[in-house]
Amino acid sequence: MRITVITILLVSAAMALGEESLEASPGVLWEYALAHSDMMHSMDNLIVSSTMIREASGRLPDPSARFGWSPLPLETRNGPVLFSLTFMQRIPWPGFLSRERSLASTGVDLATLNRDLTALELRSSTAELWSEMYLVRSRMEFLEGELARLQILLAAASAKYETGVVSLSDLLRLENRLAMLEADQYRMDLDMESLNNEMNSLLGRSMGEGFRWTESLPGVENFMQYNYSAVDVTDFPLARKSAIEVEIARSAEELSAERLRPSFEVGVTWSVIDKPVIEMGAVEEGGDGLMIFAGLSLPLGYSGNSYRHRAAQSSSSAALLLHSQKLADLASRRADLMATVEGLINMYSTYETDILPNLEMILSLTEREWMTGAKSLIDVIEVLSESRTAHLEMNRIYSQIVVSAAKLKELTGDTTERGEFL
């Protein structure tokens, strides 16, 4: 998967970015998180763990050694047995070890894919948190512009109040509006500080470190540059994970069937014999004894392996059914996300080309009519509030486009090249 290629360059990329100059864009933040996040480090450890399990599988059991001694003489025709040593090796049914090894290898594949999925989910989480920061920052910037505009209106309204053109109630409403915006601006500062700390925590970065925001953002048309409908659903990471789980279930079923077969034991016993005592029935002085033996372990059903085998068969059938359902769900999810992104892009374009320019014109006309006395100050404040709401809504739509596009890329397994916005 392309993620594994990207991760090779992550450490050097993070060093190049630096703590202070980290760009606030989802793609750059994702690269940093892949290199520094404790979550990703834990997934690396799980891969190492699965690799060690694979190395330990498919091997013969360790041989056993036994020492035998009797407190009373154990007489034989060649003399009393002083003690005996037995070495034994258990050998499973042919094919058992290879299937065990295959199951462990599939576990490594699953751990590797889980790491890739975690990386994709981390990018989506980063994009979602970035969108919250973007909205708060956009609101803060718009508040500054609105406050400056209201200050100009307040100065003009104060002059008109002196001449009796503007009523005291209208002037007080304008002052209240300014006070509310200043309080809102203070709250936005606190929210941004909180979101910065949350982002630093997600990235594995020191608390209090800031971010560098770029002046321009990609146009919304850039989020529909890929034809995700052409990607085969079976190539989606979640589909491949489901296929691996089916393979694991089948391997577990085959391994449980192998446990129903006999296993073998081979060994040798060396007995050390003392000098014979004729009165005890020994006929002649003999030497030490060597006995080679072989055994067979028969599965009679007492261990419950037959029940485990039937359970593994049911699990295998369930995994296959879940895989079929997963493919259908992924296809539906892809269509839903693509429709969501396309709809949001269309709505954003409507705000950009029609709604906002019209509101700016209405606001400008209303201000002129107020200056001439044709409109009241309340009319100006209402139009200004409507314009502010429209700007914030357009920014909210943009943030939703980014988040939906990130989830679509997560679903399809599409990665982010170094330096890309998302």
Protein backbone atom coordinates (compact mmCIF):
# COMPACT_ATOMS: atom_id res chain seq x y z
CA MET A 1 0.00 0.00 0.00
CA ARG A 2 1.17 3.52 -0.73
CA ILE A 3 1.09 4.44 2.95
CA THR A 4 4.12 2.24 3.60
CA VAL A 5 6.06 4.19 0.99
CA ILE A 6 5.16 7.52 2.57
CA THR A 7 6.12 6.47 6.08
CA ILE A 8 9.74 5.95 5.01
CA LEU A 9 10.12 9.71 4.60
CA LEU A 10 8.13 10.76 7.64
CA VAL A 11 10.96 11.36 10.09
CA SER A 12 12.93 13.54 7.70
CA ALA A 13 9.77 15.34 6.65
CA ALA A 14 8.87 16.13 10.26
CA MET A 15 12.36 17.44 10.93
CA ALA A 16 12.10 19.69 7.88
CA LEU A 17 8.75 21.07 9.06
CA GLY A 18 9.97 21.99 12.51
CA GLU A 19 7.96 22.56 15.66
CA GLU A 20 7.42 26.29 15.23
CA SER A 21 6.66 26.42 11.50
CA LEU A 22 4.21 23.54 11.22
CA GLU A 23 1.75 24.42 8.50
CA ALA A 24 -1.92 24.19 9.43
CA SER A 25 -3.17 22.02 6.59
CA PRO A 26 -4.56 18.48 7.02
CA GLY A 27 -1.96 16.81 4.81
CA VAL A 28 1.06 18.35 6.54
CA LEU A 29 -0.43 17.74 9.97
CA TRP A 30 -1.07 14.11 9.01
CA GLU A 31 2.56 13.59 8.00
CA TYR A 32 3.67 14.98 11.33
CA ALA A 33 1.21 12.79 13.25
CA LEU A 34 2.37 9.64 11.46
CA ALA A 35 5.91 10.26 12.66
CA HIS A 36 5.16 11.40 16.21
CA SER A 37 1.77 10.06 17.31
CA ASP A 38 1.83 7.50 20.13
CA MET A 39 -1.07 5.79 18.41
CA MET A 40 1.06 5.01 15.36
CA HIS A 41 3.97 3.88 17.52
CA SER A 42 1.66 1.45 19.31
CA MET A 43 0.54 0.01 15.96
CA ASP A 44 4.19 -0.50 15.00
CA ASN A 45 4.68 -2.46 18.23
CA LEU A 46 1.68 -4.63 17.41
CA ILE A 47 3.24 -5.47 14.05
CA VAL A 48 6.45 -6.48 15.81
CA SER A 49 4.41 -8.59 18.22
CA SER A 50 2.61 -10.35 15.36
CA THR A 51 5.93 -10.95 13.60
CA MET A 52 7.34 -12.59 16.71
CA ILE A 53 4.28 -14.82 16.96
CA ARG A 54 4.80 -15.86 13.35
CA GLU A 55 8.44 -16.69 14.04
CA ALA A 56 7.37 -18.83 17.00
CA SER A 57 4.72 -20.75 15.02
CA GLY A 58 5.11 -23.79 12.80
CA ARG A 59 7.74 -25.37 15.03
CA LEU A 60 7.87 -28.75 16.72
CA PRO A 61 7.14 -28.70 20.45
CA ASP A 62 10.19 -28.68 22.69
CA PRO A 63 11.35 -32.21 23.55
CA SER A 64 10.78 -33.39 27.10
CA ALA A 65 13.29 -35.08 29.42
CA ARG A 66 12.38 -37.21 32.45
CA PHE A 67 14.50 -38.60 35.27
CA GLY A 68 13.24 -41.68 37.09
CA TRP A 69 14.43 -43.05 40.41
CA SER A 70 12.88 -45.55 42.82
CA PRO A 71 13.53 -45.44 46.59
CA LEU A 72 13.30 -49.26 46.66
CA PRO A 73 15.42 -51.44 44.38
CA LEU A 74 13.70 -52.14 41.07
CA GLU A 75 15.05 -55.59 40.30
CA THR A 76 15.47 -56.93 36.79
CA ARG A 77 17.09 -60.14 35.60
CA ASN A 78 20.22 -58.11 34.86
CA GLY A 79 20.29 -56.37 38.22
CA PRO A 80 18.64 -53.50 40.12
CA VAL A 81 17.82 -50.33 38.19
CA LEU A 82 19.48 -47.33 39.80
CA PHE A 83 17.78 -44.65 37.70
CA SER A 84 16.57 -44.02 34.16
CA LEU A 85 16.58 -41.09 31.73
CA THR A 86 13.87 -40.62 29.10
CA PHE A 87 13.86 -38.21 26.14
CA MET A 88 10.62 -37.79 24.18
CA GLN A 89 9.51 -35.71 21.19
CA ARG A 90 5.88 -35.09 20.23
CA ILE A 91 5.15 -34.85 16.49
CA PRO A 92 1.81 -33.43 15.31
CA TRP A 93 -0.07 -34.80 12.34
CA PRO A 94 1.61 -33.83 9.03
CA GLY A 95 0.27 -30.46 7.87
CA PHE A 96 -0.54 -29.11 11.31
CA LEU A 97 2.62 -27.03 11.63
CA SER A 98 2.34 -25.53 8.13
CA ARG A 99 -1.25 -24.47 8.80
CA GLU A 100 -0.26 -22.96 12.12
CA ARG A 101 2.48 -21.01 10.37
CA SER A 102 0.06 -19.84 7.69
CA LEU A 103 -2.41 -18.59 10.31
CA ALA A 104 0.34 -16.63 12.09
CA SER A 105 1.50 -15.09 8.80
CA THR A 106 -2.03 -13.91 8.11
CA GLY A 107 -1.99 -12.30 11.55
CA VAL A 108 1.02 -10.23 10.48
CA ASP A 109 -0.84 -9.13 7.36
CA LEU A 110 -3.79 -8.09 9.49
CA ALA A 111 -1.60 -6.13 11.91
CA THR A 112 0.07 -4.31 9.00
CA LEU A 113 -3.27 -3.46 7.44
CA ASN A 114 -4.61 -2.28 10.81
CA ARG A 115 -1.69 0.13 10.98
CA ASP A 116 -2.56 1.49 7.54
CA LEU A 117 -6.21 1.85 8.57
CA THR A 118 -5.19 3.65 11.74
CA ALA A 119 -3.10 6.03 9.65
CA LEU A 120 -6.06 6.77 7.36
CA GLU A 121 -8.36 7.28 10.34
CA LEU A 122 -5.77 9.61 11.87
CA ARG A 123 -5.87 11.79 8.76
CA SER A 124 -9.67 12.00 8.97
CA SER A 125 -9.46 12.92 12.66
CA THR A 126 -6.85 15.54 11.84
CA ALA A 127 -9.05 16.95 9.06
CA GLU A 128 -12.07 17.12 11.37
CA LEU A 129 -10.12 18.95 14.06
CA TRP A 130 -8.58 21.22 11.43
CA SER A 131 -12.07 22.11 10.18
CA GLU A 132 -13.08 23.19 13.70
CA MET A 133 -9.97 25.35 13.96
CA TYR A 134 -10.64 26.77 10.51
CA LEU A 135 -14.20 27.75 11.43
CA VAL A 136 -13.14 29.43 14.66
CA ARG A 137 -10.34 31.27 12.90
CA SER A 138 -12.67 32.35 10.08
CA ARG A 139 -15.16 33.63 12.60
CA MET A 140 -12.44 35.55 14.43
CA GLU A 141 -11.29 37.19 11.19
CA PHE A 142 -14.84 38.07 10.20
CA LEU A 143 -15.52 39.46 13.66
CA GLU A 144 -12.58 41.82 13.29
CA GLY A 145 -13.95 43.13 10.01
CA GLU A 146 -17.46 43.45 11.39
CA LEU A 147 -16.22 45.25 14.49
CA ALA A 148 -14.32 47.73 12.32
CA ARG A 149 -17.42 48.30 10.21
CA LEU A 150 -19.64 48.77 13.24
CA GLN A 151 -17.17 51.24 14.74
CA ILE A 152 -17.56 53.36 11.61
CA LEU A 153 -21.36 53.07 11.88
CA LEU A 154 -21.19 54.00 15.56
CA ALA A 155 -19.23 57.14 14.77
CA ALA A 156 -21.73 58.11 12.08
CA ALA A 157 -24.69 57.22 14.32
CA SER A 158 -23.29 59.30 17.19
CA ALA A 159 -23.05 62.30 14.88
CA LYS A 160 -26.60 61.73 13.67
CA TYR A 161 -27.78 61.35 17.27
CA GLU A 162 -26.48 64.81 18.07
CA THR A 163 -28.65 66.20 15.26
CA GLY A 164 -31.66 64.10 16.29
CA VAL A 165 -31.66 61.91 13.15
CA VAL A 166 -30.81 58.70 15.08
CA SER A 167 -32.77 57.77 18.18
CA LEU A 168 -31.14 56.85 21.47
CA SER A 169 -32.60 53.35 21.32
CA ASP A 170 -30.96 52.70 17.93
CA LEU A 171 -27.66 53.98 19.23
CA LEU A 172 -27.89 51.75 22.29
CA ARG A 173 -28.72 48.75 20.10
CA LEU A 174 -25.59 49.40 18.07
CA GLU A 175 -23.50 49.68 21.21
CA ASN A 176 -24.97 46.41 22.48
CA ARG A 177 -24.13 44.78 19.18
CA LEU A 178 -20.52 45.90 19.50
CA ALA A 179 -20.34 44.62 23.08
CA MET A 180 -21.71 41.22 22.07
CA LEU A 181 -19.21 40.90 19.22
CA GLU A 182 -16.31 41.80 21.52
CA ALA A 183 -17.45 39.17 24.02
CA ASP A 184 -17.81 36.66 21.19
CA GLN A 185 -14.32 37.52 20.00
CA TYR A 186 -12.91 36.80 23.46
CA ARG A 187 -14.68 33.45 23.53
CA MET A 188 -13.27 32.61 20.09
CA ASP A 189 -9.76 33.28 21.39
CA LEU A 190 -10.31 30.77 24.18
CA ASP A 191 -11.81 28.22 21.78
CA MET A 192 -8.85 28.54 19.43
CA GLU A 193 -6.39 28.01 22.28
CA SER A 194 -8.27 24.90 23.34
CA LEU A 195 -8.34 23.54 19.78
CA ASN A 196 -4.61 24.20 19.37
CA ASN A 197 -3.92 22.12 22.47
CA GLU A 198 -6.20 19.36 21.22
CA MET A 199 -4.44 19.31 17.86
CA ASN A 200 -1.01 19.21 19.49
CA SER A 201 -2.15 16.27 21.60
CA LEU A 202 -3.39 14.43 18.51
CA LEU A 203 -0.11 15.05 16.69
CA GLY A 204 2.11 14.05 19.60
CA ARG A 205 3.37 17.63 19.81
CA SER A 206 4.26 19.81 22.78
CA MET A 207 1.41 21.81 24.25
CA GLY A 208 1.45 25.50 23.50
CA GLU A 209 3.09 25.13 20.08
CA GLY A 210 1.41 27.21 17.40
CA PHE A 211 0.57 26.64 13.74
CA ARG A 212 1.25 28.59 10.59
CA TRP A 213 -1.89 29.30 8.56
CA THR A 214 -1.59 29.87 4.84
CA GLU A 215 -3.23 32.85 3.20
CA SER A 216 -5.01 30.84 0.49
CA LEU A 217 -6.81 27.50 0.48
CA PRO A 218 -7.41 25.10 -2.41
CA GLY A 219 -10.51 25.75 -4.47
CA VAL A 220 -13.43 23.45 -3.90
CA GLU A 221 -13.02 21.98 -7.40
CA ASN A 222 -9.77 20.35 -6.23
CA PHE A 223 -11.73 17.98 -4.00
CA MET A 224 -13.43 16.31 -6.97
CA GLN A 225 -10.32 15.68 -9.06
CA TYR A 226 -10.37 11.90 -8.53
CA ASN A 227 -12.85 9.46 -10.03
CA TYR A 228 -13.40 7.31 -6.97
CA SER A 229 -16.27 5.49 -8.66
CA ALA A 230 -13.69 3.71 -10.83
CA VAL A 231 -11.90 2.20 -7.82
CA ASP A 232 -12.79 -1.46 -7.22
CA VAL A 233 -14.52 -1.90 -3.88
CA THR A 234 -12.45 -4.99 -3.12
CA ASP A 235 -9.34 -2.78 -3.14
CA PHE A 236 -10.67 -0.63 -0.28
CA PRO A 237 -8.66 -1.11 2.94
CA LEU A 238 -11.71 -2.19 4.93
CA ALA A 239 -12.61 -4.69 2.19
CA ARG A 240 -9.08 -6.13 2.27
CA LYS A 241 -9.25 -6.34 6.04
CA SER A 242 -12.53 -8.21 5.78
CA ALA A 243 -10.95 -10.60 3.24
CA ILE A 244 -8.03 -11.23 5.62
CA GLU A 245 -10.49 -11.95 8.43
CA VAL A 246 -12.19 -14.50 6.16
CA GLU A 247 -8.80 -16.07 5.49
CA ILE A 248 -8.01 -16.17 9.21
CA ALA A 249 -11.35 -17.83 9.94
CA ARG A 250 -10.73 -20.45 7.25
CA SER A 251 -7.22 -21.12 8.53
CA ALA A 252 -8.57 -21.46 12.07
CA GLU A 253 -11.15 -23.94 10.76
CA GLU A 254 -8.47 -25.99 8.97
CA LEU A 255 -6.26 -25.91 12.05
CA SER A 256 -9.11 -27.10 14.25
CA ALA A 257 -9.66 -29.99 11.84
CA GLU A 258 -5.98 -30.93 12.17
CA ARG A 259 -6.43 -31.19 15.94
CA LEU A 260 -8.93 -34.01 15.34
CA ARG A 261 -6.14 -36.13 13.90
CA PRO A 262 -3.74 -38.27 15.94
CA SER A 263 -0.34 -37.03 17.07
CA PHE A 264 2.78 -39.10 17.51
CA GLU A 265 5.41 -39.51 20.18
CA VAL A 266 8.88 -40.99 19.81
CA GLY A 267 11.50 -41.37 22.50
CA VAL A 268 14.27 -43.32 24.13
CA THR A 269 14.83 -44.48 27.73
CA TRP A 270 18.28 -45.22 29.14
CA SER A 271 18.32 -47.30 32.33
CA VAL A 272 21.45 -47.51 34.54
CA ILE A 273 21.65 -50.98 36.15
CA ASP A 274 23.78 -51.96 39.17
CA LYS A 275 25.57 -55.28 39.67
CA PRO A 276 23.14 -58.18 39.92
CA VAL A 277 22.40 -60.05 43.13
CA ILE A 278 22.11 -63.76 42.43
CA GLU A 279 19.81 -64.35 45.39
CA MET A 280 17.31 -61.92 43.85
CA GLY A 281 16.95 -64.01 40.73
CA ALA A 282 19.46 -62.42 38.37
CA VAL A 283 21.02 -65.00 36.14
CA GLU A 284 24.05 -63.09 34.98
CA GLU A 285 25.68 -59.74 35.23
CA GLY A 286 24.14 -57.40 32.67
CA GLY A 287 24.80 -53.92 31.37
CA ASP A 288 22.73 -50.76 31.13
CA GLY A 289 19.45 -50.93 29.21
CA LEU A 290 18.26 -48.93 26.21
CA MET A 291 14.63 -48.87 25.10
CA ILE A 292 13.24 -47.05 22.05
CA PHE A 293 9.51 -46.41 21.99
CA ALA A 294 6.83 -44.75 19.87
CA GLY A 295 3.35 -43.68 20.86
CA LEU A 296 0.10 -42.57 19.26
CA SER A 297 -2.32 -40.04 20.74
CA LEU A 298 -5.89 -40.82 19.64
CA PRO A 299 -8.53 -38.04 19.61
CA LEU A 300 -11.41 -39.76 21.41
CA GLY A 301 -13.41 -36.58 21.92
CA TYR A 302 -12.84 -35.95 25.61
CA SER A 303 -10.82 -32.77 24.93
CA GLY A 304 -13.71 -31.05 23.13
CA ASN A 305 -11.80 -30.56 19.88
CA SER A 306 -14.82 -31.68 17.86
CA TYR A 307 -16.90 -28.86 19.37
CA ARG A 308 -14.12 -26.39 18.69
CA HIS A 309 -14.00 -27.56 15.09
CA ARG A 310 -17.72 -27.01 14.61
CA ALA A 311 -17.39 -23.59 16.24
CA ALA A 312 -14.58 -22.72 13.82
CA GLN A 313 -16.76 -23.83 10.90
CA SER A 314 -19.55 -21.51 12.04
CA SER A 315 -17.10 -18.65 12.50
CA SER A 316 -15.75 -19.19 8.99
CA SER A 317 -19.26 -19.10 7.50
CA ALA A 318 -20.08 -15.96 9.49
CA ALA A 319 -16.89 -14.23 8.30
CA LEU A 320 -17.76 -14.99 4.67
CA LEU A 321 -21.26 -13.54 5.07
CA LEU A 322 -19.91 -10.46 6.82
CA HIS A 323 -17.44 -9.96 3.98
CA SER A 324 -20.23 -9.91 1.42
CA GLN A 325 -22.17 -7.41 3.52
CA LYS A 326 -19.06 -5.29 4.00
CA LEU A 327 -18.55 -4.98 0.23
CA ALA A 328 -22.12 -3.80 -0.21
CA ASP A 329 -21.80 -1.32 2.66
CA LEU A 330 -18.57 0.10 1.28
CA ALA A 331 -20.08 0.63 -2.16
CA SER A 332 -23.03 2.43 -0.58
CA ARG A 333 -20.75 4.51 1.64
CA ARG A 334 -18.66 5.56 -1.34
CA ALA A 335 -21.73 6.69 -3.29
CA ASP A 336 -23.01 8.62 -0.27
CA LEU A 337 -19.71 10.44 0.32
CA MET A 338 -19.28 11.28 -3.35
CA ALA A 339 -22.80 12.70 -3.47
CA THR A 340 -22.15 14.65 -0.27
CA VAL A 341 -18.97 16.22 -1.62
CA GLU A 342 -20.59 17.08 -4.95
CA GLY A 343 -23.62 18.62 -3.24
CA LEU A 344 -21.50 20.68 -0.87
CA ILE A 345 -19.34 21.95 -3.72
CA ASN A 346 -22.45 23.05 -5.60
CA MET A 347 -23.79 24.82 -2.52
CA TYR A 348 -20.45 26.54 -1.90
CA SER A 349 -20.37 27.80 -5.50
CA THR A 350 -23.88 29.19 -5.07
CA TYR A 351 -22.82 31.17 -2.01
CA GLU A 352 -19.64 32.34 -3.71
CA THR A 353 -21.17 33.46 -7.02
CA ASP A 354 -24.67 34.56 -6.03
CA ILE A 355 -25.59 34.85 -2.37
CA LEU A 356 -22.56 36.69 -0.95
CA PRO A 357 -22.20 39.22 -3.81
CA ASN A 358 -25.92 40.00 -3.55
CA LEU A 359 -25.71 40.48 0.20
CA GLU A 360 -22.69 42.75 -0.14
CA MET A 361 -24.64 44.86 -2.62
CA ILE A 362 -27.70 44.91 -0.36
CA LEU A 363 -25.54 45.95 2.60
CA SER A 364 -23.90 48.74 0.62
CA LEU A 365 -27.29 50.02 -0.59
CA THR A 366 -28.79 49.82 2.89
CA GLU A 367 -25.93 51.82 4.35
CA ARG A 368 -26.40 54.51 1.70
CA GLU A 369 -30.15 54.61 2.29
CA TRP A 370 -29.54 54.93 6.02
CA MET A 371 -27.20 57.84 5.43
CA THR A 372 -29.96 59.54 3.42
CA GLY A 373 -32.61 58.67 5.99
CA ALA A 374 -34.50 56.18 3.83
CA LYS A 375 -33.53 53.23 6.08
CA SER A 376 -33.13 52.89 9.81
CA LEU A 377 -30.03 51.80 11.68
CA ILE A 378 -31.80 48.58 12.60
CA ASP A 379 -32.09 47.75 8.90
CA VAL A 380 -28.34 48.15 8.51
CA ILE A 381 -27.62 45.92 11.53
CA GLU A 382 -29.99 43.22 10.26
CA VAL A 383 -28.43 43.14 6.79
CA LEU A 384 -24.96 43.12 8.33
CA SER A 385 -25.97 40.19 10.53
CA GLU A 386 -27.39 38.35 7.51
CA SER A 387 -24.18 38.93 5.58
CA ARG A 388 -22.13 37.66 8.50
CA THR A 389 -24.26 34.51 8.75
CA ALA A 390 -23.85 33.85 5.03
CA HIS A 391 -20.06 34.21 5.19
CA LEU A 392 -19.83 31.85 8.14
CA GLU A 393 -22.14 29.36 6.40
CA MET A 394 -19.91 29.35 3.33
CA ASN A 395 -16.88 28.69 5.51
CA ARG A 396 -18.78 25.91 7.27
CA ILE A 397 -19.59 24.33 3.90
CA TYR A 398 -15.92 24.48 2.93
CA SER A 399 -14.91 22.74 6.15
CA GLN A 400 -17.51 20.03 5.52
CA ILE A 401 -16.10 19.52 2.03
CA VAL A 402 -12.64 18.98 3.50
CA VAL A 403 -13.92 16.52 6.11
CA SER A 404 -16.07 14.59 3.62
CA ALA A 405 -13.20 14.41 1.13
CA ALA A 406 -10.91 13.10 3.89
CA LYS A 407 -13.43 10.39 4.78
CA LEU A 408 -13.76 9.48 1.11
CA LYS A 409 -9.99 9.15 0.80
CA GLU A 410 -9.94 7.09 3.98
CA LEU A 411 -12.61 4.79 2.58
CA THR A 412 -10.80 4.21 -0.72
CA GLY A 413 -7.31 4.08 0.80
CA ASP A 414 -6.08 7.10 -1.12
CA THR A 415 -3.00 8.62 0.49
CA THR A 416 -1.65 12.14 0.73
CA GLU A 417 1.59 12.96 -1.02
CA ARG A 418 4.08 15.11 0.82
CA GLY A 419 3.08 18.78 0.71
CA GLU A 420 -0.50 18.18 -0.44
CA PHE A 421 -3.29 20.01 1.34
CA LEU A 422 -5.28 16.86 2.06
